[in-house]
N, C-alpha and C. Protein backbone atom coordinates (compact mmCIF):
# COMPACT_ATOMS: atom_id res chain seq x y z
N MET A 1 -2.52 54.12 -3.16
CA MET A 1 -3.05 52.49 -2.99
C MET A 1 -4.38 51.76 -2.77
N ASN A 2 -5.16 51.65 -2.85
CA ASN A 2 -6.37 50.67 -2.73
C ASN A 2 -6.03 50.02 -0.88
N LYS A 3 -6.82 50.74 -0.15
CA LYS A 3 -6.20 49.31 0.90
C LYS A 3 -7.42 48.06 0.82
N ASN A 4 -8.18 47.83 0.06
CA ASN A 4 -8.10 46.14 0.21
C ASN A 4 -7.56 45.44 0.12
N TRP A 5 -6.63 45.92 -1.39
CA TRP A 5 -5.19 45.29 -2.29
C TRP A 5 -4.31 45.03 -1.12
N ILE A 6 -3.65 46.03 0.16
CA ILE A 6 -2.79 45.71 0.41
C ILE A 6 -3.33 44.75 1.09
N LEU A 7 -4.18 44.78 2.39
CA LEU A 7 -5.36 43.79 3.24
C LEU A 7 -4.33 42.40 2.26
N VAL A 8 -5.56 42.08 1.05
CA VAL A 8 -5.14 40.97 0.34
C VAL A 8 -3.39 40.59 -0.41
N GLY A 9 -2.61 41.48 -0.02
CA GLY A 9 -0.83 41.98 0.33
C GLY A 9 -0.53 40.70 1.28
N LEU A 10 -1.43 41.50 2.36
CA LEU A 10 -0.84 40.55 3.06
C LEU A 10 -1.07 39.60 4.33
N ALA A 11 -2.38 39.04 3.09
CA ALA A 11 -3.34 37.74 3.78
C ALA A 11 -2.37 36.32 2.66
N LEU A 12 -2.84 37.02 1.03
CA LEU A 12 -2.23 35.88 0.50
C LEU A 12 -0.90 35.72 0.87
N PRO A 13 0.38 35.64 1.57
CA PRO A 13 1.24 34.92 2.36
C PRO A 13 0.93 34.09 3.62
N LEU A 14 0.00 34.90 4.33
CA LEU A 14 -0.33 33.84 5.54
C LEU A 14 -1.78 32.27 4.56
N SER A 15 -1.82 32.55 3.79
CA SER A 15 -3.67 31.40 3.71
C SER A 15 -2.99 30.10 3.95
N GLY A 16 -1.80 30.52 3.30
CA GLY A 16 -1.31 28.34 3.64
C GLY A 16 -0.27 28.16 5.10
N CYS A 17 -0.08 29.28 5.91
CA CYS A 17 -0.04 29.25 7.22
C CYS A 17 -0.95 28.26 8.20
N PHE A 18 -2.17 28.36 7.77
CA PHE A 18 -2.58 27.49 9.17
C PHE A 18 -2.93 26.15 8.78
N GLY A 19 -2.73 25.31 8.13
CA GLY A 19 -2.74 23.89 7.97
C GLY A 19 -3.95 23.52 7.53
N PRO A 20 -4.40 22.35 7.01
CA PRO A 20 -5.27 21.76 7.01
C PRO A 20 -6.13 21.59 8.34
N LYS A 21 -7.70 22.36 7.67
CA LYS A 21 -9.30 22.27 8.94
C LYS A 21 -9.46 20.67 9.28
N LEU A 22 -8.92 20.31 10.60
CA LEU A 22 -8.83 18.68 11.16
C LEU A 22 -9.98 19.20 11.77
N VAL A 23 -11.21 19.98 12.91
CA VAL A 23 -11.82 20.19 13.92
C VAL A 23 -12.98 19.57 12.54
N GLY A 24 -13.35 18.20 13.85
CA GLY A 24 -14.62 17.90 14.08
C GLY A 24 -14.60 15.98 13.11
N ASP A 25 -15.86 15.99 12.88
CA ASP A 25 -15.92 13.96 12.28
C ASP A 25 -15.45 13.35 11.36
N TRP A 26 -14.72 12.46 11.90
CA TRP A 26 -13.66 11.71 10.74
C TRP A 26 -14.71 10.22 11.41
N GLU A 27 -15.18 9.91 9.96
CA GLU A 27 -15.09 7.96 9.68
C GLU A 27 -13.85 7.43 9.15
N GLY A 28 -13.82 6.38 8.85
CA GLY A 28 -13.64 5.43 8.07
C GLY A 28 -13.19 3.81 9.03
N ASP A 29 -12.35 3.13 8.09
CA ASP A 29 -11.28 1.86 9.27
C ASP A 29 -9.55 2.09 9.66
N CYS A 30 -9.64 1.36 10.16
CA CYS A 30 -8.17 0.76 10.52
C CYS A 30 -7.84 -0.80 10.45
N GLU A 31 -7.28 -1.06 9.09
CA GLU A 31 -7.06 -2.91 9.14
C GLU A 31 -5.55 -2.81 9.00
N LEU A 32 -5.75 -3.92 10.75
CA LEU A 32 -4.47 -4.36 11.81
C LEU A 32 -4.23 -5.93 11.40
N SER A 33 -3.15 -6.70 11.14
CA SER A 33 -2.46 -7.27 10.83
C SER A 33 -1.42 -7.79 11.52
N SER A 34 -0.83 -8.91 12.00
CA SER A 34 -0.19 -9.47 13.29
C SER A 34 0.20 -10.98 12.60
N SER A 35 1.16 -11.81 12.53
CA SER A 35 1.40 -13.08 11.87
C SER A 35 0.29 -13.62 10.95
N GLY A 36 -0.31 -13.16 9.91
CA GLY A 36 -1.23 -13.41 8.95
C GLY A 36 -2.92 -12.85 9.49
N TYR A 37 -2.76 -12.66 10.25
CA TYR A 37 -3.66 -12.52 11.36
C TYR A 37 -4.58 -10.97 11.15
N THR A 38 -6.00 -10.45 10.26
CA THR A 38 -6.16 -9.49 10.19
C THR A 38 -7.40 -9.15 10.53
N MET A 39 -7.02 -8.10 11.50
CA MET A 39 -8.91 -7.86 11.34
C MET A 39 -8.71 -6.03 11.28
N LYS A 40 -9.90 -5.58 10.83
CA LYS A 40 -10.83 -4.69 11.16
C LYS A 40 -11.34 -4.17 11.31
N TYR A 41 -11.16 -2.78 11.71
CA TYR A 41 -11.55 -2.06 13.04
C TYR A 41 -11.92 -1.29 12.25
N GLU A 42 -13.57 -0.19 12.75
CA GLU A 42 -14.19 0.76 12.39
C GLU A 42 -13.89 1.81 13.09
N LEU A 43 -13.50 3.09 12.01
CA LEU A 43 -13.06 4.89 13.63
C LEU A 43 -14.18 5.30 13.64
N GLU A 44 -14.33 6.19 14.64
CA GLU A 44 -15.18 7.27 14.60
C GLU A 44 -14.87 8.25 15.50
N LEU A 45 -13.60 9.67 14.73
CA LEU A 45 -13.46 10.57 15.62
C LEU A 45 -13.73 11.75 15.95
N GLU A 46 -14.25 12.38 16.70
CA GLU A 46 -14.21 13.74 17.01
C GLU A 46 -13.11 14.45 17.78
N ILE A 47 -12.67 15.56 16.66
CA ILE A 47 -11.28 16.21 16.65
C ILE A 47 -12.30 17.61 17.26
N ASP A 48 -11.94 18.28 18.51
CA ASP A 48 -12.56 19.04 19.75
C ASP A 48 -11.54 20.74 18.90
N GLU A 49 -10.53 20.14 18.90
CA GLU A 49 -9.74 21.85 18.59
C GLU A 49 -8.18 21.23 18.27
N VAL A 50 -7.66 21.87 17.53
CA VAL A 50 -6.88 22.19 17.32
C VAL A 50 -5.44 23.88 17.46
N LYS A 51 -4.65 23.33 18.96
CA LYS A 51 -4.64 24.61 19.52
C LYS A 51 -2.76 24.46 18.79
N GLY A 52 -2.15 25.79 18.38
CA GLY A 52 -0.44 25.39 18.07
C GLY A 52 0.04 24.43 18.07
N GLY A 53 -0.72 23.32 16.98
CA GLY A 53 -0.22 21.96 16.80
C GLY A 53 -1.09 21.21 17.78
N ASP A 54 -1.63 21.13 18.79
CA ASP A 54 -1.52 20.45 19.91
C ASP A 54 -3.74 19.53 19.17
N ILE A 55 -3.60 18.40 19.01
CA ILE A 55 -4.91 17.87 18.82
C ILE A 55 -5.60 17.51 19.90
N SER A 56 -7.16 17.74 19.94
CA SER A 56 -7.56 17.15 21.37
C SER A 56 -9.11 16.46 21.25
N GLY A 57 -9.07 15.80 21.82
CA GLY A 57 -11.04 14.89 21.32
C GLY A 57 -10.96 13.91 21.41
N GLU A 58 -11.66 13.17 20.94
CA GLU A 58 -12.13 11.78 21.93
C GLU A 58 -12.67 10.50 19.86
N GLY A 59 -12.99 9.62 20.81
CA GLY A 59 -12.66 8.75 19.09
C GLY A 59 -13.60 7.51 20.18
N SER A 60 -14.29 6.75 18.89
CA SER A 60 -15.01 5.57 19.05
C SER A 60 -14.12 4.20 18.11
N VAL A 61 -14.01 2.57 18.51
CA VAL A 61 -12.88 1.64 17.64
C VAL A 61 -14.60 0.96 17.43
N SER A 62 -15.27 0.06 17.00
CA SER A 62 -15.71 -1.00 16.78
C SER A 62 -15.45 -1.82 15.62
N PHE A 63 -15.58 -3.19 16.99
CA PHE A 63 -15.29 -3.98 16.05
C PHE A 63 -15.88 -5.29 16.39
N GLY A 64 -16.91 -6.38 15.98
CA GLY A 64 -17.54 -7.88 16.11
C GLY A 64 -18.50 -7.42 16.89
N GLY A 65 -19.53 -6.33 16.71
CA GLY A 65 -20.17 -6.08 17.51
C GLY A 65 -19.65 -5.11 19.20
N TYR A 66 -19.04 -4.55 19.46
CA TYR A 66 -18.06 -4.45 20.12
C TYR A 66 -17.64 -2.76 19.96
N SER A 67 -18.20 -1.64 20.99
CA SER A 67 -17.60 -0.65 20.37
C SER A 67 -16.62 -0.47 22.09
N LEU A 68 -15.22 0.58 21.67
CA LEU A 68 -14.98 1.12 22.53
C LEU A 68 -14.47 2.21 22.33
N ASP A 69 -15.05 3.53 23.59
CA ASP A 69 -14.71 4.98 23.42
C ASP A 69 -13.49 5.59 24.20
N GLY A 70 -12.38 6.78 23.82
CA GLY A 70 -11.32 6.92 24.68
C GLY A 70 -11.22 8.27 24.08
N GLU A 71 -10.13 9.05 24.73
CA GLU A 71 -9.66 9.99 24.55
C GLU A 71 -8.50 10.31 23.40
N LEU A 72 -8.47 11.48 22.05
CA LEU A 72 -7.75 11.11 21.17
C LEU A 72 -7.04 12.38 21.42
N GLU A 73 -5.50 12.25 21.06
CA GLU A 73 -4.09 13.28 21.24
C GLU A 73 -3.50 13.34 19.71
N GLY A 74 -3.43 14.26 19.68
CA GLY A 74 -2.17 14.62 18.57
C GLY A 74 -1.13 15.83 18.23
N GLU A 75 -0.64 15.71 17.56
CA GLU A 75 0.62 16.53 16.90
C GLU A 75 -0.11 16.81 15.08
N VAL A 76 -0.21 17.93 14.72
CA VAL A 76 0.23 18.31 12.80
C VAL A 76 0.76 18.82 12.63
N ASP A 77 1.76 18.86 12.14
CA ASP A 77 2.41 19.56 11.09
C ASP A 77 2.28 19.98 9.93
N GLY A 78 1.71 21.11 9.12
CA GLY A 78 1.59 21.25 7.61
C GLY A 78 0.87 19.96 7.78
N SER A 79 0.85 18.74 6.55
CA SER A 79 -0.22 18.39 6.68
C SER A 79 -0.05 16.59 7.54
N ASP A 80 1.07 16.97 7.88
CA ASP A 80 1.37 15.87 8.41
C ASP A 80 0.53 15.49 9.67
N VAL A 81 0.52 14.74 10.68
CA VAL A 81 -0.72 14.53 11.40
C VAL A 81 -0.28 13.02 12.19
N GLU A 82 -0.13 13.20 13.58
CA GLU A 82 0.25 11.95 14.11
C GLU A 82 -1.10 12.04 16.08
N LEU A 83 -1.82 10.80 16.02
CA LEU A 83 -2.88 10.96 16.54
C LEU A 83 -2.30 8.89 17.63
N THR A 84 -3.17 9.68 18.87
CA THR A 84 -3.44 8.34 19.37
C THR A 84 -4.50 8.21 20.89
N LEU A 85 -5.16 7.48 19.85
CA LEU A 85 -6.43 7.17 21.03
C LEU A 85 -6.29 5.68 21.14
N GLU A 86 -6.99 6.79 23.04
CA GLU A 86 -6.39 5.97 24.36
C GLU A 86 -7.97 5.67 24.11
N LEU A 87 -8.00 4.25 24.40
CA LEU A 87 -8.83 2.98 24.55
C LEU A 87 -8.96 2.73 26.52
N THR A 88 -10.23 3.11 27.33
CA THR A 88 -10.07 1.68 28.23
C THR A 88 -11.55 1.71 28.81
N SER A 89 -11.16 -0.42 28.95
CA SER A 89 -12.14 -0.56 28.99
C SER A 89 -12.23 -1.81 30.71
N SER A 90 -13.12 -1.11 31.18
CA SER A 90 -12.97 -2.19 32.85
C SER A 90 -11.61 -2.78 33.05
N GLY A 91 -10.47 -0.86 33.23
CA GLY A 91 -9.58 -0.96 34.02
C GLY A 91 -8.31 -1.44 32.66
N TYR A 92 -8.86 -1.67 31.98
CA TYR A 92 -8.02 -2.26 30.16
C TYR A 92 -8.13 -1.19 29.88
N THR A 93 -6.23 -0.95 29.17
CA THR A 93 -5.88 -0.06 28.46
C THR A 93 -5.44 -0.23 27.22
N ILE A 94 -5.97 -0.25 25.54
CA ILE A 94 -5.31 -0.46 24.53
C ILE A 94 -5.39 1.04 23.59
N GLU A 95 -3.99 1.59 23.07
CA GLU A 95 -3.55 2.04 22.81
C GLU A 95 -3.34 1.97 20.46
N ILE A 96 -4.18 2.84 20.36
CA ILE A 96 -3.70 2.71 18.55
C ILE A 96 -3.08 4.39 18.53
N GLU A 97 -2.20 4.34 17.78
CA GLU A 97 -1.70 5.27 17.26
C GLU A 97 -1.58 5.29 15.96
N PHE A 98 -1.73 6.93 15.03
CA PHE A 98 -2.36 7.23 13.59
C PHE A 98 -1.17 7.87 12.85
N GLU A 99 -0.48 6.84 12.01
CA GLU A 99 0.56 8.62 11.69
C GLU A 99 0.11 8.45 10.19
N GLY A 100 -0.64 9.74 9.92
CA GLY A 100 -0.99 10.61 8.28
C GLY A 100 -0.21 10.63 7.56
N ALA A 101 -0.60 11.47 6.23
CA ALA A 101 -0.85 12.69 5.53
C ALA A 101 -2.22 13.04 5.41
N VAL A 102 -3.18 14.35 5.63
CA VAL A 102 -4.14 15.43 5.22
C VAL A 102 -4.33 15.00 4.12
N ASP A 103 -5.18 15.04 3.29
CA ASP A 103 -5.53 15.40 2.02
C ASP A 103 -7.02 15.80 1.60
N GLY A 104 -7.40 17.58 1.71
CA GLY A 104 -8.77 17.83 1.82
C GLY A 104 -9.33 17.39 3.00
N ASP A 105 -10.26 16.34 2.38
CA ASP A 105 -11.26 15.58 3.60
C ASP A 105 -10.47 14.43 3.93
N GLU A 106 -9.59 14.32 3.47
CA GLU A 106 -8.99 12.42 4.10
C GLU A 106 -7.63 12.44 4.40
N ILE A 107 -7.75 11.54 5.47
CA ILE A 107 -6.83 11.57 5.95
C ILE A 107 -5.91 9.94 5.61
N GLU A 108 -4.65 9.98 5.64
CA GLU A 108 -4.06 8.32 5.04
C GLU A 108 -3.22 8.22 5.85
N GLY A 109 -2.76 6.56 6.52
CA GLY A 109 -1.15 6.82 7.04
C GLY A 109 -1.19 5.31 7.39
N THR A 110 -0.70 4.70 8.11
CA THR A 110 -0.32 3.66 9.09
C THR A 110 -1.09 3.44 10.28
N CYS A 111 -1.46 2.82 10.75
CA CYS A 111 -1.52 2.66 12.38
C CYS A 111 -0.84 1.70 12.98
N GLU A 112 -1.06 1.53 14.36
CA GLU A 112 -0.43 0.23 15.00
C GLU A 112 -1.10 0.11 16.59
N MET A 113 -1.51 -1.47 16.51
CA MET A 113 -2.50 -0.94 17.91
C MET A 113 -1.82 -2.02 19.31
N SER A 114 -1.17 -0.75 20.24
CA SER A 114 -0.42 -2.12 21.48
C SER A 114 -1.18 -2.32 22.88
N ASP A 115 -1.08 -3.71 22.83
CA ASP A 115 -2.34 -4.54 23.85
C ASP A 115 -1.68 -5.53 24.24
N SER A 116 -0.70 -5.31 25.88
CA SER A 116 -0.40 -5.56 26.62
C SER A 116 0.93 -5.91 26.01
N GLY A 117 1.86 -5.74 25.33
CA GLY A 117 2.96 -6.14 24.64
C GLY A 117 2.57 -6.52 23.40
N TYR A 118 1.18 -6.71 23.13
CA TYR A 118 1.40 -7.52 21.66
C TYR A 118 0.99 -6.85 20.60
N THR A 119 1.73 -6.34 19.61
CA THR A 119 1.67 -5.35 18.63
C THR A 119 1.04 -5.56 17.61
N MET A 120 -0.53 -4.78 16.58
CA MET A 120 -0.54 -4.91 15.10
C MET A 120 -0.29 -3.93 14.37
N THR A 121 0.20 -4.48 13.19
CA THR A 121 0.23 -2.68 12.37
C THR A 121 -0.50 -2.95 10.97
N GLY A 122 -0.61 -1.58 10.52
CA GLY A 122 -1.32 -1.93 9.05
C GLY A 122 -1.96 -0.36 8.57
N ASP A 123 -2.94 0.02 8.00
CA ASP A 123 -3.56 0.94 7.72
C ASP A 123 -4.39 1.31 7.42
N PHE A 124 -4.69 2.89 7.96
CA PHE A 124 -6.09 3.23 7.68
C PHE A 124 -6.32 4.89 7.13
N GLU A 125 -7.29 4.72 6.94
CA GLU A 125 -8.12 5.83 6.44
C GLU A 125 -9.32 6.54 6.22
N ILE A 126 -9.70 7.40 7.36
CA ILE A 126 -10.99 8.01 7.92
C ILE A 126 -11.21 9.26 6.78
N GLU A 127 -12.44 9.88 6.72
CA GLU A 127 -13.23 11.12 5.32
C GLU A 127 -13.67 11.29 6.52
N ARG A 128 -13.92 13.02 6.31
CA ARG A 128 -13.99 14.35 7.18
C ARG A 128 -16.49 13.72 6.85
N GLU A 129 -16.70 13.67 7.98
CA GLU A 129 -18.41 13.53 7.77
C GLU A 129 -19.00 15.16 7.53
N ASP A 130 -18.57 15.88 8.21
CA ASP A 130 -19.34 17.21 8.44
C ASP A 130 -18.36 18.08 7.64
């Protein structure tokens, strides 16, 4: 039997085990609302590493001429992704949590921002830029 066919036979069952490609730059938006008030935030996320299902990187959120930068952490399980972006400004911390599904070069799902006990929820969509 040809050795190349043996290698292909071993590689095919493993081809779906590695999950989606997440490392890279992602851009999109998160539209949050609460009590009839809606706000759209521009997102820029850079996923630096995915190791053992753990995600690390950094990100920024822009709104109304302001931009905040922070640390990004999360987990991936198959196509399901959970991310938390922790933004800090002048000692003040805001967390935005994302739960979504990867579909090729897009991730869509829900987002939630917690700010001093106040919570806004909504939807997000980001696309790979690189």
